Protein backbone atom coordinates (compact mmCIF):
# COMPACT_ATOMS: atom_id res chain seq x y z
CA MET A 1 -8.59 -17.36 7.79
CA PRO A 2 -6.50 -15.12 10.06
CA GLU A 3 -8.20 -12.95 12.63
CA TYR A 4 -7.22 -9.32 13.17
CA TYR A 5 -7.49 -7.44 16.42
CA GLN A 6 -6.27 -4.04 17.55
CA SER A 7 -4.20 -3.41 20.66
CA SER A 8 -4.35 -0.34 22.86
CA GLY A 9 -1.25 1.02 21.10
CA GLY A 10 -3.02 1.14 17.74
CA TYR A 11 -1.20 -1.82 16.20
CA TYR A 12 -3.04 -4.64 14.49
CA TYR A 13 -2.20 -8.26 15.23
CA LYS A 14 -2.82 -11.20 12.94
CA VAL A 15 -3.50 -14.58 14.51
CA ALA A 16 -3.08 -17.61 12.23
CA GLY A 17 -2.36 -21.14 13.33
CA GLY A 18 -1.71 -20.19 16.95
CA LYS A 19 1.01 -17.66 16.04
CA THR A 20 0.57 -13.93 16.61
CA LYS A 21 2.23 -11.40 14.32
CA ARG A 22 2.15 -7.60 14.52
CA THR A 23 0.91 -6.24 11.23
CA SER A 24 -1.19 -3.52 9.63
CA LYS A 25 -4.53 -3.71 7.88
CA CYS A 26 -2.92 -2.46 4.70
CA ASP A 27 -0.73 -4.87 2.74
CA TYR A 28 2.83 -3.59 2.23
CA GLU A 29 4.05 -6.61 0.25
CA LYS A 30 1.13 -6.34 -2.17
CA ALA A 31 2.21 -2.74 -2.85
CA LYS A 32 5.38 -4.08 -4.47
CA THR A 33 3.70 -6.70 -6.67
CA ASN A 34 -0.07 -6.93 -7.22
CA VAL A 35 -1.54 -3.48 -7.76
CA ARG A 36 -4.54 -3.35 -10.09
CA VAL A 37 -6.74 -0.64 -11.55
CA GLY A 38 -9.54 0.10 -9.08
CA ASP A 39 -7.59 -0.78 -5.90
CA LYS A 40 -7.72 1.68 -2.99
CA VAL A 41 -4.12 2.62 -2.15
CA ARG A 42 -1.93 5.07 -0.26
CA ILE A 43 0.92 6.61 -2.29
CA LYS A 44 3.98 8.74 -1.61
CA ILE A 45 4.32 11.81 -3.82
CA LYS A 46 7.81 12.89 -4.87
CA ARG A 47 8.29 16.65 -5.03
CA PHE A 48 11.54 18.61 -5.28
CA GLY A 49 13.66 15.45 -5.47
CA ARG A 50 12.35 13.74 -2.34
CA TYR A 51 9.20 12.05 -1.09
CA GLU A 52 7.17 14.55 0.91
CA ASP A 53 3.42 13.96 0.85
CA GLU A 54 1.10 10.98 1.17
CA GLU A 55 -2.24 10.68 -0.59
CA GLU A 56 -5.01 8.07 -0.64
CA GLY A 57 -7.14 7.23 -3.64
CA VAL A 58 -8.21 4.74 -6.28
CA VAL A 59 -5.80 3.55 -8.98
CA LYS A 60 -6.55 4.84 -12.49
CA ASN A 61 -3.39 3.55 -14.26
CA VAL A 62 -0.44 1.38 -13.24
CA LEU A 63 2.66 3.05 -14.70
CA THR A 64 5.33 0.51 -13.68
CA GLY A 65 5.66 -2.22 -16.30
CA LYS A 66 7.53 -4.75 -14.15
CA ARG A 67 5.81 -7.45 -12.08
CA PHE A 68 7.80 -6.45 -8.97
CA HIS A 69 9.33 -3.16 -7.88
CA SER A 70 11.40 -2.84 -4.71
CA ARG A 71 10.19 0.67 -3.82
CA GLY A 72 6.55 0.07 -4.80
CA LYS A 73 4.81 0.40 -8.13
CA LYS A 74 4.23 3.82 -9.64
CA VAL A 75 0.55 4.57 -10.24
CA ARG A 76 -1.76 7.40 -11.28
CA LEU A 77 -4.82 7.96 -9.10
CA THR A 78 -8.25 8.99 -10.36
CA ASN A 79 -7.45 12.61 -9.43
CA ASN A 80 -4.32 12.43 -11.71
CA ILE A 81 -1.76 12.41 -8.88
CA VAL A 82 1.27 10.18 -9.59
CA GLY A 83 3.27 8.42 -6.89
CA ARG A 84 4.65 5.14 -5.56
CA VAL A 85 2.31 2.75 -3.74
CA ILE A 86 3.17 2.22 -0.09
CA CYS A 87 -0.03 0.56 1.09
CA VAL A 88 -2.92 -1.37 -0.51
CA TYR A 89 -6.23 -1.56 1.37
């Protein structure tokens, strides 16, 4: 099991098998593939033709039908906000 620790700069590091890798506590690769109903996520909200705001919440519906999406799956949160997943906690 990898260990996480935080540096003074605010970055998280993952140590597994003697190798250290800078990472984040949220999983960016999971945002493109395995998003399920009930997951806590951060999404980007598209308004006026571009992504402007970020919101955190719990997934109510997964709107993307594909198994993988390069920009992140589109979801609806429990407060009915729709956006693309950028981070899964």
